[in-house]
């Protein structure tokens, strides 16, 4: 089975799970709405509602931020403290969602023996979220090892670039490292994300509690099949990029000076968020199928 078929399988699985994508969309809307209304209230209380205020918010210049902090520091601090707490809560909820998503994919790929016709969406999704929560949380803690390596490589490249360029004296060397470092950062960042994806998939597919061992087994799995795992991953990344560019084009094309058009812009935004959730499921489904066919 070639990579395109795994890609197509991920897209197909995501398209056949509207309830799952809806749940992801709903969680994103709930958290996003809280952030929006908190910030909207802050700006309404501090600078009021006017065309000038809207322009300031859209441009969000440093001078505007400085004035806001000087004159309304307590309110700004309160709002951003609550947003940090919400972001932390969202992070914890996202671990639950990951378990639910993969349990649903597991049910589709390899139905639970004797229960194919009796498991409802809610029972499978929430069981998976709870069952794998602890293991996924431990996986994130163990993944600090990989992220420390990531930071170490970037620091090494930064120092190497400074040394070889004689602290900026050799401009051509500086230019080369200014291009190499971001490229390496992107590749390593996505590589670690792939490893964590396959680690979660392995935990669910094998129902293993050996999280630390699974993490390093997943490192081996990804690197032994680097061309294929990367090809599948980046083909889905490219799909996400196309969705984003299409959204930005349409959003910029829609004027925001009439009630109907404002509503159209809002609906477009919700479609974009929904498609992000769909892509998340496509990622997991395509990679899950790939793992099942190549785990031995």
Protein backbone atom coordinates (compact mmCIF):
# COMPACT_ATOMS: atom_id res chain seq x y z
CA UNK A 1 0.00 0.00 0.00
CA UNK A 2 1.62 3.26 -1.11
CA UNK A 3 1.61 6.54 0.82
CA UNK A 4 -1.20 8.04 -1.23
CA UNK A 5 -3.49 5.21 -0.15
CA UNK A 6 -2.67 5.87 3.54
CA UNK A 7 -3.30 9.56 2.92
CA UNK A 8 -6.61 8.74 1.23
CA UNK A 9 -7.51 6.38 4.06
CA UNK A 10 -6.90 9.09 6.65
CA UNK A 11 -9.03 11.56 4.69
CA UNK A 12 -11.75 8.93 4.25
CA UNK A 13 -11.78 7.98 7.94
CA UNK A 14 -12.00 11.63 8.98
CA UNK A 15 -14.83 12.29 6.52
CA UNK A 16 -16.77 9.30 7.86
CA UNK A 17 -16.55 10.56 11.48
CA UNK A 18 -18.62 13.80 11.53
CA UNK A 19 -19.54 13.31 15.20
CA UNK A 20 -15.88 13.06 16.17
CA UNK A 21 -14.95 16.17 14.17
CA UNK A 22 -17.95 17.99 15.66
CA UNK A 23 -16.79 17.22 19.20
CA UNK A 24 -13.32 18.62 18.42
CA UNK A 25 -14.93 21.72 16.87
CA UNK A 26 -17.19 22.16 19.90
CA UNK A 27 -14.32 22.05 22.39
CA UNK A 28 -12.37 24.58 20.32
CA UNK A 29 -15.38 26.89 20.11
CA UNK A 30 -16.02 26.74 23.86
CA UNK A 31 -12.45 27.65 24.76
CA UNK A 32 -12.11 30.14 21.92
CA UNK A 33 -15.34 31.88 22.87
CA UNK A 34 -14.16 32.37 26.43
CA UNK A 35 -10.92 33.97 25.24
CA UNK A 36 -12.76 36.16 22.73
CA UNK A 37 -15.31 37.49 25.20
CA UNK A 38 -12.71 38.10 27.91
CA UNK A 39 -10.56 40.15 25.52
CA UNK A 40 -13.59 41.88 24.04
CA UNK A 41 -14.74 42.93 27.52
CA UNK A 42 -11.25 44.18 28.33
CA UNK A 43 -11.06 46.41 25.27
CA UNK A 44 -14.64 47.61 25.73
CA UNK A 45 -13.93 48.69 29.31
CA UNK A 46 -10.59 50.31 28.55
CA UNK A 47 -10.85 51.95 25.11
CA UNK A 48 -14.56 51.70 24.34
CA UNK A 49 -16.28 50.70 21.13
CA UNK A 50 -15.47 52.88 18.13
CA UNK A 51 -13.85 52.70 14.69
CA UNK A 52 -10.67 54.18 16.13
CA UNK A 53 -10.61 51.54 18.86
CA UNK A 54 -11.10 48.74 16.31
CA UNK A 55 -8.19 50.06 14.23
CA UNK A 56 -5.97 50.18 17.31
CA UNK A 57 -6.83 46.60 18.22
CA UNK A 58 -6.26 45.34 14.67
CA UNK A 59 -2.88 47.09 14.38
CA UNK A 60 -2.00 46.39 18.03
CA UNK A 61 1.07 48.58 18.01
CA UNK A 62 3.55 48.42 20.89
CA UNK A 63 2.64 51.96 21.97
CA UNK A 64 -1.00 50.89 22.28
CA UNK A 65 -0.02 47.91 24.44
CA UNK A 66 2.23 50.10 26.62
CA UNK A 67 -0.58 52.60 27.22
CA UNK A 68 -2.96 49.79 28.05
CA UNK A 69 -0.57 48.32 30.62
CA UNK A 70 0.20 51.70 32.19
CA UNK A 71 -3.41 52.83 32.62
CA UNK A 72 -5.21 49.49 33.00
CA UNK A 73 -2.53 47.14 34.28
CA UNK A 74 -4.73 45.44 36.89
CA UNK A 75 -7.48 44.63 34.40
CA UNK A 76 -5.00 43.40 31.79
CA UNK A 77 -3.27 41.23 34.38
CA UNK A 78 -6.57 39.72 35.52
CA UNK A 79 -7.68 38.91 32.00
CA UNK A 80 -4.38 37.36 30.95
CA UNK A 81 -4.15 35.35 34.18
CA UNK A 82 -7.56 33.83 33.43
CA UNK A 83 -6.51 33.15 29.83
CA UNK A 84 -3.39 31.33 31.01
CA UNK A 85 -5.52 29.14 33.28
CA UNK A 86 -7.92 28.42 30.43
CA UNK A 87 -5.01 27.57 28.12
CA UNK A 88 -3.70 25.12 30.75
CA UNK A 89 -7.15 23.57 31.10
CA UNK A 90 -7.44 23.31 27.32
CA UNK A 91 -4.06 21.54 27.23
CA UNK A 92 -5.30 18.99 29.78
CA UNK A 93 -8.57 18.51 27.89
CA UNK A 94 -6.65 18.02 24.62
CA UNK A 95 -4.98 14.94 26.17
CA UNK A 96 -8.44 13.52 26.83
CA UNK A 97 -9.52 14.32 23.26
CA UNK A 98 -6.46 12.52 21.86
CA UNK A 99 -7.45 9.32 23.68
CA UNK A 100 -11.03 9.59 22.45
CA UNK A 101 -9.99 10.19 18.85
CA UNK A 102 -7.62 7.23 18.74
CA UNK A 103 -10.11 4.91 20.44
CA UNK A 104 -12.67 5.80 17.77
CA UNK A 105 -10.11 5.12 15.04
CA UNK A 106 -9.21 1.81 16.71
CA UNK A 107 -12.87 0.81 16.66
CA UNK A 108 -13.09 1.54 12.93
CA UNK A 109 -9.77 -0.15 12.03
CA UNK A 110 -10.09 -3.17 14.29
CA UNK A 111 -13.61 -3.47 15.77
CA UNK A 112 -13.76 -4.57 19.40
CA UNK A 113 -14.49 -8.34 19.46
CA UNK A 114 -18.20 -9.11 19.92
CA UNK A 115 -19.15 -5.45 20.35
CA UNK A 116 -19.13 -4.13 16.80
CA UNK A 117 -22.83 -3.27 16.73
CA UNK A 118 -23.31 -2.30 20.37
CA UNK A 119 -20.77 0.42 21.11
CA UNK A 120 -22.15 3.93 20.79
CA UNK A 121 -20.04 6.90 19.78
CA UNK A 122 -20.16 8.38 23.30
CA UNK A 123 -19.14 5.14 25.01
CA UNK A 124 -16.16 4.58 22.71
CA UNK A 125 -14.99 8.21 22.71
CA UNK A 126 -15.26 8.87 26.46
CA UNK A 127 -13.91 5.44 27.36
CA UNK A 128 -10.82 6.13 25.24
CA UNK A 129 -10.38 9.61 26.71
CA UNK A 130 -10.40 8.23 30.24
CA UNK A 131 -8.58 4.96 29.60
CA UNK A 132 -5.52 6.49 27.95
CA UNK A 133 -5.40 9.79 29.81
CA UNK A 134 -2.79 8.76 32.37
CA UNK A 135 -0.59 7.07 29.79
CA UNK A 136 -0.73 10.03 27.40
CA UNK A 137 0.05 12.42 30.23
CA UNK A 138 3.11 10.38 31.20
CA UNK A 139 4.14 10.33 27.54
CA UNK A 140 4.17 14.14 27.50
CA UNK A 141 6.35 14.20 30.60
CA UNK A 142 8.80 11.71 29.09
CA UNK A 143 8.83 13.69 25.83
CA UNK A 144 10.67 16.46 27.67
CA UNK A 145 13.80 14.41 26.84
CA UNK A 146 13.16 14.96 23.13
CA UNK A 147 12.36 18.65 23.55
CA UNK A 148 15.55 19.20 25.58
CA UNK A 149 17.46 17.58 22.70
CA UNK A 150 15.61 19.92 20.30
CA UNK A 151 16.64 23.00 22.29
CA UNK A 152 20.20 21.69 22.64
CA UNK A 153 20.58 21.30 18.87
CA UNK A 154 19.36 24.88 18.28
CA UNK A 155 21.73 26.27 20.91
CA UNK A 156 24.59 24.31 19.35
CA UNK A 157 23.79 25.69 15.88
CA UNK A 158 23.51 29.21 17.26
CA UNK A 159 26.89 28.99 18.98
CA UNK A 160 28.48 27.25 16.00
CA UNK A 161 27.20 29.97 13.68
CA UNK A 162 28.56 32.67 15.97
CA UNK A 163 31.92 30.95 16.19
CA UNK A 164 32.32 30.29 12.45
CA UNK A 165 31.17 33.79 11.54
CA UNK A 166 33.55 35.26 14.12
CA UNK A 167 30.62 36.91 15.97
CA UNK A 168 29.10 38.36 12.81
CA UNK A 169 32.26 39.49 11.08
CA UNK A 170 31.76 36.98 8.25
CA UNK A 171 28.38 38.01 6.91
CA UNK A 172 28.06 35.16 4.38
CA UNK A 173 28.42 32.56 7.16
CA UNK A 174 25.79 34.37 9.23
CA UNK A 175 23.36 34.29 6.30
CA UNK A 176 23.92 30.54 5.82
CA UNK A 177 23.26 29.78 9.49
CA UNK A 178 20.25 32.11 9.55
CA UNK A 179 18.76 29.81 6.89
CA UNK A 180 20.01 26.48 8.27
CA UNK A 181 18.88 26.99 11.87
CA UNK A 182 15.17 27.63 11.16
CA UNK A 183 15.12 24.75 8.65
CA UNK A 184 16.62 22.35 11.20
CA UNK A 185 14.19 23.65 13.85
CA UNK A 186 11.17 22.93 11.60
CA UNK A 187 12.39 19.45 10.67
CA UNK A 188 13.20 18.48 14.27
CA UNK A 189 9.95 19.96 15.61
CA UNK A 190 7.86 17.98 13.15
CA UNK A 191 10.00 14.90 13.69
CA UNK A 192 9.27 14.97 17.42
CA UNK A 193 5.57 15.49 16.74
CA UNK A 194 5.62 12.41 14.47
CA UNK A 195 7.33 10.35 17.15
CA UNK A 196 4.73 11.37 19.73
CA UNK A 197 1.92 10.63 17.27
CA UNK A 198 3.19 7.10 16.71
CA UNK A 199 3.85 6.62 20.43
CA UNK A 200 0.19 7.43 21.21
CA UNK A 201 -0.92 5.19 18.35
CA UNK A 202 1.24 2.33 19.63
CA UNK A 203 -0.14 2.73 23.16
CA UNK A 204 -3.70 2.47 21.86
CA UNK A 205 -3.14 -0.22 19.23
CA UNK A 206 -1.15 -2.49 21.58
CA UNK A 207 -2.96 -1.34 24.76
CA UNK A 208 0.42 -1.17 26.50
CA UNK A 209 1.28 0.49 29.81
CA UNK A 210 5.01 0.64 29.00
CA UNK A 211 4.94 4.31 28.04
CA UNK A 212 8.65 5.09 28.37
CA UNK A 213 9.63 2.03 26.32
CA UNK A 214 6.96 2.88 23.75
CA UNK A 215 8.37 6.39 23.29
CA UNK A 216 11.78 5.08 22.25
CA UNK A 217 10.27 2.26 20.20
CA UNK A 218 8.45 4.99 18.30
CA UNK A 219 11.72 6.82 17.69
CA UNK A 220 13.00 3.65 16.03
CA UNK A 221 9.75 3.12 14.13
CA UNK A 222 9.87 6.63 12.62
CA UNK A 223 13.56 6.59 11.70
CA UNK A 224 13.52 3.08 10.21
CA UNK A 225 10.76 4.26 7.88
CA UNK A 226 11.76 7.91 7.74
CA UNK A 227 10.91 8.53 4.08
CA UNK A 228 7.44 6.98 4.37
CA UNK A 229 6.49 8.42 7.78
CA UNK A 230 7.70 11.86 6.72
CA UNK A 231 5.99 11.61 3.34
CA UNK A 232 2.63 10.82 4.92
CA UNK A 233 3.06 13.49 7.60
CA UNK A 234 4.07 16.28 5.23
CA UNK A 235 1.39 15.43 2.70
CA UNK A 236 -1.17 16.06 5.45
CA UNK A 237 0.71 19.19 6.55
CA UNK A 238 0.47 20.43 2.96
CA UNK A 239 -3.28 19.77 3.03
CA UNK A 240 -3.53 21.90 6.17
CA UNK A 241 -1.53 24.66 4.48
CA UNK A 242 -3.88 24.64 1.49
CA UNK A 243 -6.90 24.88 3.82
CA UNK A 244 -5.30 27.78 5.69
CA UNK A 245 -4.40 29.69 2.51
CA UNK A 246 -7.89 29.18 1.11
CA UNK A 247 -9.38 30.48 4.36
CA UNK A 248 -7.11 33.55 4.38
CA UNK A 249 -7.95 34.32 0.76
CA UNK A 250 -11.71 34.03 1.28
CA UNK A 251 -11.60 35.90 4.58
CA UNK A 252 -9.70 38.78 2.98
CA UNK A 253 -12.07 38.81 0.03
CA UNK A 254 -15.22 39.17 2.19
CA UNK A 255 -15.85 42.84 3.18
CA UNK A 256 -16.65 43.39 6.86
CA UNK A 257 -18.86 46.45 6.47
CA UNK A 258 -22.33 44.85 6.42
CA UNK A 259 -24.19 42.62 8.87
CA UNK A 260 -24.70 39.82 6.31
CA UNK A 261 -21.06 39.86 5.27
CA UNK A 262 -19.89 39.89 8.89
CA UNK A 263 -22.04 36.80 9.43
CA UNK A 264 -20.50 35.20 6.31
CA UNK A 265 -17.03 35.89 7.73
CA UNK A 266 -18.04 34.31 11.05
CA UNK A 267 -19.39 31.20 9.31
CA UNK A 268 -16.21 30.94 7.23
CA UNK A 269 -14.19 31.04 10.44
CA UNK A 270 -16.24 28.19 11.92
CA UNK A 271 -15.78 26.14 8.76
CA UNK A 272 -12.02 26.66 9.05
CA UNK A 273 -12.02 25.51 12.70
CA UNK A 274 -14.14 22.49 11.72
CA UNK A 275 -11.68 21.59 8.94
CA UNK A 276 -8.78 21.85 11.39
CA UNK A 277 -10.53 19.24 13.53
CA UNK A 278 -11.15 17.12 10.44
CA UNK A 279 -7.45 17.33 9.54
CA UNK A 280 -6.49 16.27 13.08
CA UNK A 281 -8.57 13.11 12.69
CA UNK A 282 -7.14 12.52 9.19
CA UNK A 283 -3.60 12.72 10.61
CA UNK A 284 -4.31 10.17 13.31
CA UNK A 285 -6.30 7.82 11.05
CA UNK A 286 -3.70 7.80 8.26
CA UNK A 287 -0.82 7.25 10.67
CA UNK A 288 -2.77 4.59 12.62
CA UNK A 289 -3.38 2.62 9.44
CA UNK A 290 0.28 2.99 8.44
CA UNK A 291 1.39 1.74 11.86
CA UNK A 292 -0.85 -1.35 11.73
CA UNK A 293 0.64 -2.39 8.39
CA UNK A 294 4.28 -1.79 9.38
CA UNK A 295 4.54 -2.60 13.08
CA UNK A 296 6.15 -6.00 12.51
